Amino acid sequence: MPNISNLYVYPIKSCAGVALNRARLQLSGLEYDRSWMVTDTSGQ
């Protein structure tokens, strides 16, 4: 049987991940994973 040894979400795209003991799965994936993205005023 497969075993999950580490579980992370990345709330802000391309930033550090957050280690979790458990997570809630939604239709879009893990809750809070890549929910936000930081850009400058030009959208870059």
PDB file of N, CA and C in Angstrom:
ATOM      1  N   MET A   1       0.841  -1.167   0.000  1.00  0.00           N
ATOM      2  CA  MET A   1       0.000   0.000   0.000  1.00  0.00           C
ATOM      3  C   MET A   1       0.896   1.243   0.000  1.00  0.00           C
ATOM      4  N   PRO A   2       0.607   2.249  -0.853  1.00  0.00           N
ATOM      5  CA  PRO A   2       1.393   3.489  -0.875  1.00  0.00           C
ATOM      6  C   PRO A   2       1.314   4.237   0.453  1.00  0.00           C
ATOM      7  N   ASN A   3       2.383   4.964   0.754  1.00  0.00           N
ATOM      8  CA  ASN A   3       2.460   5.736   1.985  1.00  0.00           C
ATOM      9  C   ASN A   3       2.914   7.156   1.649  1.00  0.00           C
ATOM     10  N   ILE A   4       2.225   8.164   2.167  1.00  0.00           N
ATOM     11  CA  ILE A   4       2.622   9.561   1.981  1.00  0.00           C
ATOM     12  C   ILE A   4       3.524   9.943   3.142  1.00  0.00           C
ATOM     13  N   SER A   5       4.778  10.278   2.846  1.00  0.00           N
ATOM     14  CA  SER A   5       5.726  10.598   3.913  1.00  0.00           C
ATOM     15  C   SER A   5       5.785  12.094   4.222  1.00  0.00           C
ATOM     16  N   ASN A   6       5.522  12.948   3.239  1.00  0.00           N
ATOM     17  CA  ASN A   6       5.523  14.399   3.428  1.00  0.00           C
ATOM     18  C   ASN A   6       4.408  15.006   2.583  1.00  0.00           C
ATOM     19  N   LEU A   7       3.800  16.053   3.110  1.00  0.00           N
ATOM     20  CA  LEU A   7       2.706  16.712   2.400  1.00  0.00           C
ATOM     21  C   LEU A   7       2.887  18.215   2.525  1.00  0.00           C
ATOM     22  N   TYR A   8       2.921  18.913   1.388  1.00  0.00           N
ATOM     23  CA  TYR A   8       3.120  20.361   1.364  1.00  0.00           C
ATOM     24  C   TYR A   8       2.072  21.013   0.475  1.00  0.00           C
ATOM     25  N   VAL A   9       1.708  22.241   0.814  1.00  0.00           N
ATOM     26  CA  VAL A   9       0.953  23.098  -0.097  1.00  0.00           C
ATOM     27  C   VAL A   9       1.791  24.349  -0.312  1.00  0.00           C
ATOM     28  N   TYR A  10       1.544  25.003  -1.415  1.00  0.00           N
ATOM     29  CA  TYR A  10       2.250  26.227  -1.780  1.00  0.00           C
ATOM     30  C   TYR A  10       1.196  27.311  -1.988  1.00  0.00           C
ATOM     31  N   PRO A  11       0.771  27.976  -0.895  1.00  0.00           N
ATOM     32  CA  PRO A  11      -0.324  28.947  -0.982  1.00  0.00           C
ATOM     33  C   PRO A  11      -0.058  30.085  -1.965  1.00  0.00           C
ATOM     34  N   ILE A  12       1.200  30.539  -2.041  1.00  0.00           N
ATOM     35  CA  ILE A  12       1.568  31.592  -2.982  1.00  0.00           C
ATOM     36  C   ILE A  12       2.444  30.960  -4.049  1.00  0.00           C
ATOM     37  N   LYS A  13       1.988  31.021  -5.295  1.00  0.00           N
ATOM     38  CA  LYS A  13       2.693  30.383  -6.400  1.00  0.00           C
ATOM     39  C   LYS A  13       4.159  30.810  -6.425  1.00  0.00           C
ATOM     40  N   SER A  14       5.059  29.851  -6.556  1.00  0.00           N
ATOM     41  CA  SER A  14       6.514  30.037  -6.635  1.00  0.00           C
ATOM     42  C   SER A  14       7.163  30.497  -5.332  1.00  0.00           C
ATOM     43  N   CYS A  15       6.469  30.438  -4.206  1.00  0.00           N
ATOM     44  CA  CYS A  15       7.057  30.755  -2.901  1.00  0.00           C
ATOM     45  C   CYS A  15       7.214  29.469  -2.094  1.00  0.00           C
ATOM     46  N   ALA A  16       7.768  29.593  -0.915  1.00  0.00           N
ATOM     47  CA  ALA A  16       8.032  28.425  -0.077  1.00  0.00           C
ATOM     48  C   ALA A  16       6.752  27.669   0.271  1.00  0.00           C
ATOM     49  N   GLY A  17       6.887  26.370   0.393  1.00  0.00           N
ATOM     50  CA  GLY A  17       5.758  25.529   0.762  1.00  0.00           C
ATOM     51  C   GLY A  17       5.535  25.488   2.263  1.00  0.00           C
ATOM     52  N   VAL A  18       4.366  24.995   2.636  1.00  0.00           N
ATOM     53  CA  VAL A  18       3.987  24.841   4.036  1.00  0.00           C
ATOM     54  C   VAL A  18       3.742  23.355   4.283  1.00  0.00           C
ATOM     55  N   ALA A  19       4.461  22.783   5.242  1.00  0.00           N
ATOM     56  CA  ALA A  19       4.299  21.367   5.572  1.00  0.00           C
ATOM     57  C   ALA A  19       2.984  21.155   6.314  1.00  0.00           C
ATOM     58  N   LEU A  20       2.297  20.083   5.977  1.00  0.00           N
ATOM     59  CA  LEU A  20       1.013  19.768   6.594  1.00  0.00           C
ATOM     60  C   LEU A  20       1.030  18.379   7.212  1.00  0.00           C
ATOM     61  N   ASN A  21       0.245  18.200   8.251  1.00  0.00           N
ATOM     62  CA  ASN A  21       0.001  16.871   8.806  1.00  0.00           C
ATOM     63  C   ASN A  21      -1.195  16.224   8.131  1.00  0.00           C
ATOM     64  N   ARG A  22      -2.103  17.062   7.666  1.00  0.00           N
ATOM     65  CA  ARG A  22      -3.283  16.580   6.942  1.00  0.00           C
ATOM     66  C   ARG A  22      -3.775  17.706   6.050  1.00  0.00           C
ATOM     67  N   ALA A  23      -4.580  17.369   5.051  1.00  0.00           N
ATOM     68  CA  ALA A  23      -5.080  18.370   4.110  1.00  0.00           C
ATOM     69  C   ALA A  23      -6.491  18.011   3.682  1.00  0.00           C
ATOM     70  N   ARG A  24      -7.205  19.013   3.257  1.00  0.00           N
ATOM     71  CA  ARG A  24      -8.561  18.823   2.742  1.00  0.00           C
ATOM     72  C   ARG A  24      -8.490  18.857   1.215  1.00  0.00           C
ATOM     73  N   LEU A  25      -9.041  17.846   0.588  1.00  0.00           N
ATOM     74  CA  LEU A  25      -9.047  17.756  -0.863  1.00  0.00           C
ATOM     75  C   LEU A  25     -10.322  18.378  -1.410  1.00  0.00           C
ATOM     76  N   GLN A  26     -10.170  19.289  -2.382  1.00  0.00           N
ATOM     77  CA  GLN A  26     -11.306  19.926  -3.037  1.00  0.00           C
ATOM     78  C   GLN A  26     -11.295  19.545  -4.510  1.00  0.00           C
ATOM     79  N   LEU A  27     -12.307  19.922  -5.247  1.00  0.00           N
ATOM     80  CA  LEU A  27     -12.357  19.589  -6.672  1.00  0.00           C
ATOM     81  C   LEU A  27     -11.154  20.148  -7.426  1.00  0.00           C
ATOM     82  N   SER A  28     -10.638  21.299  -6.987  1.00  0.00           N
ATOM     83  CA  SER A  28      -9.505  21.945  -7.653  1.00  0.00           C
ATOM     84  C   SER A  28      -8.148  21.428  -7.170  1.00  0.00           C
ATOM     85  N   GLY A  29      -8.130  20.582  -6.156  1.00  0.00           N
ATOM     86  CA  GLY A  29      -6.880  20.063  -5.598  1.00  0.00           C
ATOM     87  C   GLY A  29      -6.856  20.260  -4.098  1.00  0.00           C
ATOM     88  N   LEU A  30      -5.666  20.323  -3.518  1.00  0.00           N
ATOM     89  CA  LEU A  30      -5.553  20.510  -2.075  1.00  0.00           C
ATOM     90  C   LEU A  30      -5.968  21.929  -1.689  1.00  0.00           C
ATOM     91  N   GLU A  31      -6.692  22.051  -0.594  1.00  0.00           N
ATOM     92  CA  GLU A  31      -7.136  23.355  -0.116  1.00  0.00           C
ATOM     93  C   GLU A  31      -5.927  24.258   0.129  1.00  0.00           C
ATOM     94  N   TYR A  32      -6.002  25.488  -0.321  1.00  0.00           N
ATOM     95  CA  TYR A  32      -4.980  26.542  -0.179  1.00  0.00           C
ATOM     96  C   TYR A  32      -3.766  26.368  -1.086  1.00  0.00           C
ATOM     97  N   ASP A  33      -3.688  25.319  -1.890  1.00  0.00           N
ATOM     98  CA  ASP A  33      -2.526  25.141  -2.753  1.00  0.00           C
ATOM     99  C   ASP A  33      -2.612  26.088  -3.941  1.00  0.00           C
ATOM    100  N   ARG A  34      -1.616  26.942  -4.090  1.00  0.00           N
ATOM    101  CA  ARG A  34      -1.516  27.916  -5.187  1.00  0.00           C
ATOM    102  C   ARG A  34      -2.769  28.785  -5.302  1.00  0.00           C
ATOM    103  N   SER A  35      -3.239  29.260  -4.162  1.00  0.00           N
ATOM    104  CA  SER A  35      -4.425  30.122  -4.124  1.00  0.00           C
ATOM    105  C   SER A  35      -4.101  31.562  -4.501  1.00  0.00           C
ATOM    106  N   TRP A  36      -2.844  31.970  -4.353  1.00  0.00           N
ATOM    107  CA  TRP A  36      -2.447  33.358  -4.569  1.00  0.00           C
ATOM    108  C   TRP A  36      -1.239  33.418  -5.496  1.00  0.00           C
ATOM    109  N   MET A  37      -1.093  34.569  -6.175  1.00  0.00           N
ATOM    110  CA  MET A  37       0.057  34.811  -7.037  1.00  0.00           C
ATOM    111  C   MET A  37       0.459  36.275  -6.870  1.00  0.00           C
ATOM    112  N   VAL A  38       1.749  36.531  -6.732  1.00  0.00           N
ATOM    113  CA  VAL A  38       2.255  37.890  -6.568  1.00  0.00           C
ATOM    114  C   VAL A  38       2.718  38.406  -7.930  1.00  0.00           C
ATOM    115  N   THR A  39       2.280  39.615  -8.297  1.00  0.00           N
ATOM    116  CA  THR A  39       2.709  40.250  -9.544  1.00  0.00           C
ATOM    117  C   THR A  39       3.066  41.705  -9.280  1.00  0.00           C
ATOM    118  N   ASP A  40       3.713  42.319 -10.264  1.00  0.00           N
ATOM    119  CA  ASP A  40       3.942  43.756 -10.168  1.00  0.00           C
ATOM    120  C   ASP A  40       2.788  44.477 -10.867  1.00  0.00           C
ATOM    121  N   THR A  41       2.873  45.792 -10.990  1.00  0.00           N
ATOM    122  CA  THR A  41       1.761  46.566 -11.554  1.00  0.00           C
ATOM    123  C   THR A  41       1.494  46.255 -13.023  1.00  0.00           C
ATOM    124  N   SER A  42       2.476  45.676 -13.721  1.00  0.00           N
ATOM    125  CA  SER A  42       2.269  45.315 -15.128  1.00  0.00           C
ATOM    126  C   SER A  42       1.750  43.892 -15.289  1.00  0.00           C
ATOM    127  N   GLY A  43       1.556  43.195 -14.177  1.00  0.00           N
ATOM    128  CA  GLY A  43       1.054  41.827 -14.241  1.00  0.00           C
ATOM    129  C   GLY A  43       2.136  40.776 -14.376  1.00  0.00           C
ATOM    130  N   GLN A  44       3.384  41.186 -14.316  1.00  0.00           N
ATOM    131  CA  GLN A  44       4.513  40.250 -14.429  1.00  0.00           C
ATOM    132  C   GLN A  44       4.921  39.708 -13.084  1.00  0.00           C
TER     133      GLN A  44
END
